Amino acid sequence: MASSKEYVQFILEQLSNLEEVSARAMMGEYLIYYRGKVAGGIYDNRLLVKPTASAIAYLPHAVLEHPYANAKEMLLVEDVDDRALLAGLFRAMYEELPAPKPKPKKKK
C-alpha cells in the first residue's frame, strides 16, 4: 500500500520546526531528508527512521520494522503528534546519518 500525500504533508508539518526538511517520492513511498541527508521515510503511512545509536537512545522503546520486503530494519516512530519529540529525534541523529552519495558526472 502506498503512502498518502496527506500523511506525508502531515509529517512535514510536524517537522516544520526544523530547517531543511523535505520529502521525495520514491516508488509510491517517500524518503525524508534532513539537512541534505536521508533520515528515514514514510512507508505505508508509517514514519520510519534510520536506526542510528542516537535514534535508538532517543526512542528506547521503539520497534524495529521493515519498510518493505527484504529491506533493512528501521525504527518506527509512533508518537508523530509530538512535534518536540520529532525535532529532537532528527537533531540527535543528524551527525550519525551518512553523507549523501555524490551524483555521477554527466558524460559528454
N, C-alpha and C. Protein backbone atom coordinates (compact mmCIF):
# COMPACT_ATOMS: atom_id res chain seq x y z
N MET A 1 0.84 -1.18 0.00
CA MET A 1 0.00 0.00 0.00
C MET A 1 0.88 1.24 0.00
N ALA A 2 0.65 2.12 -0.91
CA ALA A 2 1.43 3.36 -0.98
C ALA A 2 0.96 4.33 0.09
N SER A 3 1.87 5.19 0.51
CA SER A 3 1.54 6.21 1.50
C SER A 3 0.73 7.33 0.85
N SER A 4 -0.13 7.95 1.63
CA SER A 4 -0.96 9.03 1.10
C SER A 4 -0.20 10.36 1.16
N LYS A 5 -0.49 11.21 0.21
CA LYS A 5 0.12 12.53 0.19
C LYS A 5 -0.30 13.33 1.42
N GLU A 6 -1.50 13.08 1.92
CA GLU A 6 -1.98 13.77 3.10
C GLU A 6 -1.13 13.42 4.32
N TYR A 7 -0.77 12.14 4.45
CA TYR A 7 0.07 11.73 5.59
C TYR A 7 1.46 12.35 5.47
N VAL A 8 2.00 12.38 4.28
CA VAL A 8 3.31 12.98 4.05
C VAL A 8 3.27 14.45 4.45
N GLN A 9 2.22 15.17 4.01
CA GLN A 9 2.09 16.59 4.37
C GLN A 9 1.96 16.76 5.87
N PHE A 10 1.24 15.86 6.53
CA PHE A 10 1.10 15.91 7.99
C PHE A 10 2.47 15.78 8.66
N ILE A 11 3.25 14.81 8.23
CA ILE A 11 4.58 14.60 8.82
C ILE A 11 5.48 15.81 8.56
N LEU A 12 5.46 16.33 7.36
CA LEU A 12 6.27 17.51 7.05
C LEU A 12 5.85 18.71 7.91
N GLU A 13 4.56 18.85 8.17
CA GLU A 13 4.08 19.92 9.04
C GLU A 13 4.58 19.69 10.47
N GLN A 14 4.57 18.44 10.91
CA GLN A 14 5.06 18.13 12.26
C GLN A 14 6.55 18.44 12.39
N LEU A 15 7.28 18.35 11.30
CA LEU A 15 8.73 18.61 11.30
C LEU A 15 9.06 20.05 10.89
N SER A 16 8.05 20.89 10.78
CA SER A 16 8.27 22.24 10.26
C SER A 16 9.11 23.13 11.20
N ASN A 17 9.33 22.71 12.44
CA ASN A 17 10.21 23.46 13.35
C ASN A 17 11.68 23.31 12.97
N LEU A 18 11.98 22.34 12.13
CA LEU A 18 13.34 22.09 11.68
C LEU A 18 13.58 22.77 10.33
N GLU A 19 14.81 23.18 10.10
CA GLU A 19 15.16 23.74 8.81
C GLU A 19 15.56 22.61 7.87
N GLU A 20 15.32 22.82 6.60
CA GLU A 20 15.77 21.92 5.55
C GLU A 20 15.23 20.49 5.69
N VAL A 21 13.93 20.37 5.86
CA VAL A 21 13.27 19.07 5.87
C VAL A 21 12.44 18.97 4.60
N SER A 22 12.57 17.84 3.92
CA SER A 22 11.80 17.65 2.69
C SER A 22 11.50 16.17 2.51
N ALA A 23 10.56 15.91 1.62
CA ALA A 23 10.21 14.53 1.27
C ALA A 23 10.34 14.38 -0.24
N ARG A 24 10.78 13.21 -0.64
CA ARG A 24 10.93 12.93 -2.07
C ARG A 24 10.23 11.60 -2.37
N ALA A 25 9.35 11.63 -3.34
CA ALA A 25 8.61 10.42 -3.72
C ALA A 25 9.57 9.39 -4.29
N MET A 26 9.34 8.14 -3.89
CA MET A 26 10.19 7.04 -4.33
C MET A 26 9.34 5.77 -4.41
N MET A 27 8.87 5.44 -5.61
CA MET A 27 8.08 4.23 -5.87
C MET A 27 6.85 4.11 -4.95
N GLY A 28 6.09 5.17 -4.84
CA GLY A 28 4.86 5.14 -4.04
C GLY A 28 5.06 5.45 -2.58
N GLU A 29 6.30 5.52 -2.16
CA GLU A 29 6.61 5.87 -0.78
C GLU A 29 7.45 7.14 -0.79
N TYR A 30 7.95 7.58 0.35
CA TYR A 30 8.66 8.85 0.42
C TYR A 30 9.88 8.76 1.31
N LEU A 31 10.99 9.31 0.84
CA LEU A 31 12.19 9.46 1.66
C LEU A 31 12.11 10.81 2.36
N ILE A 32 12.55 10.86 3.61
CA ILE A 32 12.58 12.11 4.36
C ILE A 32 14.03 12.56 4.48
N TYR A 33 14.29 13.77 4.02
CA TYR A 33 15.63 14.35 4.08
C TYR A 33 15.68 15.41 5.17
N TYR A 34 16.76 15.41 5.92
CA TYR A 34 17.00 16.45 6.91
C TYR A 34 18.39 17.02 6.65
N ARG A 35 18.44 18.29 6.30
CA ARG A 35 19.69 18.98 6.01
C ARG A 35 20.53 18.21 4.98
N GLY A 36 19.86 17.71 3.95
CA GLY A 36 20.53 17.06 2.84
C GLY A 36 20.83 15.59 3.02
N LYS A 37 20.53 15.03 4.19
CA LYS A 37 20.80 13.62 4.44
C LYS A 37 19.48 12.85 4.59
N VAL A 38 19.47 11.59 4.14
CA VAL A 38 18.28 10.76 4.30
C VAL A 38 18.20 10.34 5.77
N ALA A 39 17.12 10.75 6.42
CA ALA A 39 16.92 10.43 7.84
C ALA A 39 15.97 9.27 8.02
N GLY A 40 15.13 9.05 7.05
CA GLY A 40 14.14 7.98 7.16
C GLY A 40 13.20 8.05 5.99
N GLY A 41 11.98 7.59 6.24
CA GLY A 41 11.00 7.60 5.18
C GLY A 41 9.61 7.34 5.69
N ILE A 42 8.67 7.48 4.79
CA ILE A 42 7.28 7.19 5.08
C ILE A 42 6.90 5.99 4.22
N TYR A 43 6.54 4.91 4.88
CA TYR A 43 6.23 3.66 4.22
C TYR A 43 4.89 3.17 4.76
N ASP A 44 3.92 2.97 3.89
CA ASP A 44 2.59 2.52 4.30
C ASP A 44 2.02 3.41 5.41
N ASN A 45 2.19 4.72 5.26
CA ASN A 45 1.71 5.70 6.23
C ASN A 45 2.29 5.47 7.63
N ARG A 46 3.56 5.09 7.66
CA ARG A 46 4.30 4.95 8.93
C ARG A 46 5.59 5.73 8.77
N LEU A 47 5.96 6.48 9.81
CA LEU A 47 7.24 7.19 9.81
C LEU A 47 8.30 6.26 10.38
N LEU A 48 9.29 5.94 9.57
CA LEU A 48 10.40 5.09 9.98
C LEU A 48 11.69 5.89 9.83
N VAL A 49 12.59 5.76 10.80
CA VAL A 49 13.87 6.47 10.73
C VAL A 49 15.02 5.47 10.80
N LYS A 50 16.16 5.92 10.33
CA LYS A 50 17.36 5.07 10.37
C LYS A 50 17.70 4.75 11.83
N PRO A 51 18.07 3.51 12.11
CA PRO A 51 18.35 3.11 13.49
C PRO A 51 19.76 3.47 13.94
N THR A 52 20.07 4.76 13.99
CA THR A 52 21.37 5.21 14.48
C THR A 52 21.41 5.02 15.99
N ALA A 53 22.59 5.04 16.57
CA ALA A 53 22.72 4.90 18.02
C ALA A 53 21.95 5.99 18.74
N SER A 54 22.01 7.20 18.22
CA SER A 54 21.29 8.32 18.84
C SER A 54 19.78 8.14 18.77
N ALA A 55 19.29 7.66 17.63
CA ALA A 55 17.86 7.44 17.48
C ALA A 55 17.37 6.35 18.43
N ILE A 56 18.15 5.29 18.56
CA ILE A 56 17.79 4.20 19.47
C ILE A 56 17.78 4.70 20.91
N ALA A 57 18.76 5.53 21.28
CA ALA A 57 18.80 6.10 22.63
C ALA A 57 17.64 7.06 22.85
N TYR A 58 17.27 7.81 21.83
CA TYR A 58 16.20 8.79 21.94
C TYR A 58 14.83 8.11 22.04
N LEU A 59 14.68 6.99 21.34
CA LEU A 59 13.43 6.22 21.35
C LEU A 59 13.71 4.79 21.82
N PRO A 60 14.04 4.62 23.10
CA PRO A 60 14.49 3.30 23.57
C PRO A 60 13.45 2.19 23.45
N HIS A 61 12.18 2.53 23.37
CA HIS A 61 11.14 1.50 23.28
C HIS A 61 10.59 1.34 21.87
N ALA A 62 11.21 2.01 20.92
CA ALA A 62 10.74 1.92 19.53
C ALA A 62 10.95 0.52 18.96
N VAL A 63 10.05 0.13 18.13
CA VAL A 63 10.08 -1.18 17.48
C VAL A 63 10.82 -1.06 16.16
N LEU A 64 11.62 -2.08 15.84
CA LEU A 64 12.27 -2.15 14.53
C LEU A 64 11.32 -2.83 13.55
N GLU A 65 11.13 -2.21 12.41
CA GLU A 65 10.26 -2.77 11.38
C GLU A 65 10.92 -2.66 10.02
N HIS A 66 10.50 -3.53 9.12
CA HIS A 66 10.98 -3.48 7.74
C HIS A 66 10.08 -2.52 6.96
N PRO A 67 10.66 -1.55 6.25
CA PRO A 67 9.82 -0.65 5.47
C PRO A 67 9.13 -1.37 4.31
N TYR A 68 9.79 -2.37 3.76
CA TYR A 68 9.26 -3.21 2.69
C TYR A 68 10.04 -4.51 2.69
N ALA A 69 9.60 -5.49 1.94
CA ALA A 69 10.23 -6.81 1.93
C ALA A 69 11.71 -6.73 1.60
N ASN A 70 12.52 -7.45 2.33
CA ASN A 70 13.96 -7.56 2.14
C ASN A 70 14.74 -6.27 2.40
N ALA A 71 14.13 -5.30 3.05
CA ALA A 71 14.82 -4.05 3.39
C ALA A 71 15.40 -4.15 4.80
N LYS A 72 16.39 -3.30 5.07
CA LYS A 72 16.95 -3.23 6.43
C LYS A 72 15.90 -2.68 7.37
N GLU A 73 15.96 -3.13 8.62
CA GLU A 73 15.01 -2.65 9.61
C GLU A 73 15.25 -1.19 9.95
N MET A 74 14.17 -0.52 10.28
CA MET A 74 14.21 0.89 10.68
C MET A 74 13.36 1.04 11.94
N LEU A 75 13.58 2.16 12.65
CA LEU A 75 12.80 2.43 13.85
C LEU A 75 11.45 3.04 13.50
N LEU A 76 10.39 2.48 14.06
CA LEU A 76 9.05 3.01 13.88
C LEU A 76 8.83 4.14 14.88
N VAL A 77 8.47 5.31 14.39
CA VAL A 77 8.16 6.44 15.25
C VAL A 77 6.64 6.46 15.41
N GLU A 78 6.18 6.11 16.60
CA GLU A 78 4.75 6.01 16.82
C GLU A 78 4.12 7.32 17.24
N ASP A 79 4.82 8.14 18.01
CA ASP A 79 4.25 9.38 18.54
C ASP A 79 4.51 10.54 17.58
N VAL A 80 3.90 10.48 16.41
CA VAL A 80 4.13 11.52 15.40
C VAL A 80 3.38 12.81 15.71
N ASP A 81 2.55 12.81 16.74
CA ASP A 81 1.83 14.03 17.12
C ASP A 81 2.68 14.95 17.99
N ASP A 82 3.80 14.45 18.50
CA ASP A 82 4.66 15.23 19.38
C ASP A 82 5.76 15.92 18.57
N ARG A 83 5.54 17.18 18.23
CA ARG A 83 6.49 17.94 17.40
C ARG A 83 7.86 18.07 18.07
N ALA A 84 7.88 18.31 19.36
CA ALA A 84 9.15 18.47 20.07
C ALA A 84 9.95 17.18 20.04
N LEU A 85 9.28 16.06 20.20
CA LEU A 85 9.96 14.76 20.15
C LEU A 85 10.55 14.54 18.77
N LEU A 86 9.79 14.82 17.72
CA LEU A 86 10.28 14.61 16.36
C LEU A 86 11.48 15.51 16.06
N ALA A 87 11.39 16.77 16.45
CA ALA A 87 12.50 17.70 16.21
C ALA A 87 13.74 17.25 16.96
N GLY A 88 13.58 16.86 18.21
CA GLY A 88 14.72 16.38 18.99
C GLY A 88 15.33 15.13 18.42
N LEU A 89 14.50 14.22 17.94
CA LEU A 89 14.97 12.98 17.34
C LEU A 89 15.82 13.28 16.11
N PHE A 90 15.33 14.10 15.21
CA PHE A 90 16.06 14.40 13.97
C PHE A 90 17.36 15.14 14.28
N ARG A 91 17.32 16.06 15.23
CA ARG A 91 18.55 16.77 15.60
C ARG A 91 19.57 15.81 16.20
N ALA A 92 19.11 14.90 17.05
CA ALA A 92 20.01 13.96 17.71
C ALA A 92 20.69 13.03 16.73
N MET A 93 19.99 12.60 15.71
CA MET A 93 20.55 11.61 14.80
C MET A 93 21.32 12.20 13.62
N TYR A 94 21.24 13.49 13.42
CA TYR A 94 21.82 14.12 12.22
C TYR A 94 23.30 13.77 12.00
N GLU A 95 24.13 13.92 13.02
CA GLU A 95 25.57 13.69 12.86
C GLU A 95 25.90 12.26 12.46
N GLU A 96 25.05 11.31 12.82
CA GLU A 96 25.30 9.91 12.52
C GLU A 96 24.76 9.47 11.16
N LEU A 97 23.98 10.32 10.53
CA LEU A 97 23.43 9.96 9.22
C LEU A 97 24.52 9.99 8.17
N PRO A 98 24.51 9.05 7.25
CA PRO A 98 25.54 9.04 6.20
C PRO A 98 25.40 10.25 5.28
N ALA A 99 26.53 10.73 4.82
CA ALA A 99 26.54 11.85 3.87
C ALA A 99 25.93 11.37 2.55
N PRO A 100 25.31 12.27 1.82
CA PRO A 100 24.75 11.87 0.53
C PRO A 100 25.84 11.39 -0.42
N LYS A 101 25.48 10.40 -1.21
CA LYS A 101 26.44 9.90 -2.20
C LYS A 101 26.56 10.92 -3.33
N PRO A 102 27.79 11.14 -3.81
CA PRO A 102 27.95 12.10 -4.91
C PRO A 102 27.24 11.60 -6.16
N LYS A 103 26.65 12.53 -6.87
CA LYS A 103 25.95 12.18 -8.11
C LYS A 103 27.00 11.92 -9.20
N PRO A 104 26.73 10.92 -10.04
CA PRO A 104 27.69 10.65 -11.12
C PRO A 104 27.76 11.84 -12.09
N LYS A 105 28.96 12.07 -12.60
CA LYS A 105 29.14 13.16 -13.54
C LYS A 105 28.55 12.76 -14.89
N LYS A 106 27.97 13.75 -15.55
CA LYS A 106 27.39 13.50 -16.87
C LYS A 106 28.50 13.33 -17.90
N LYS A 107 28.31 12.34 -18.76
CA LYS A 107 29.28 12.12 -19.83
C LYS A 107 28.97 13.06 -20.98
N LYS A 108 30.03 13.55 -21.61
CA LYS A 108 29.86 14.47 -22.74
C LYS A 108 29.81 13.71 -24.04
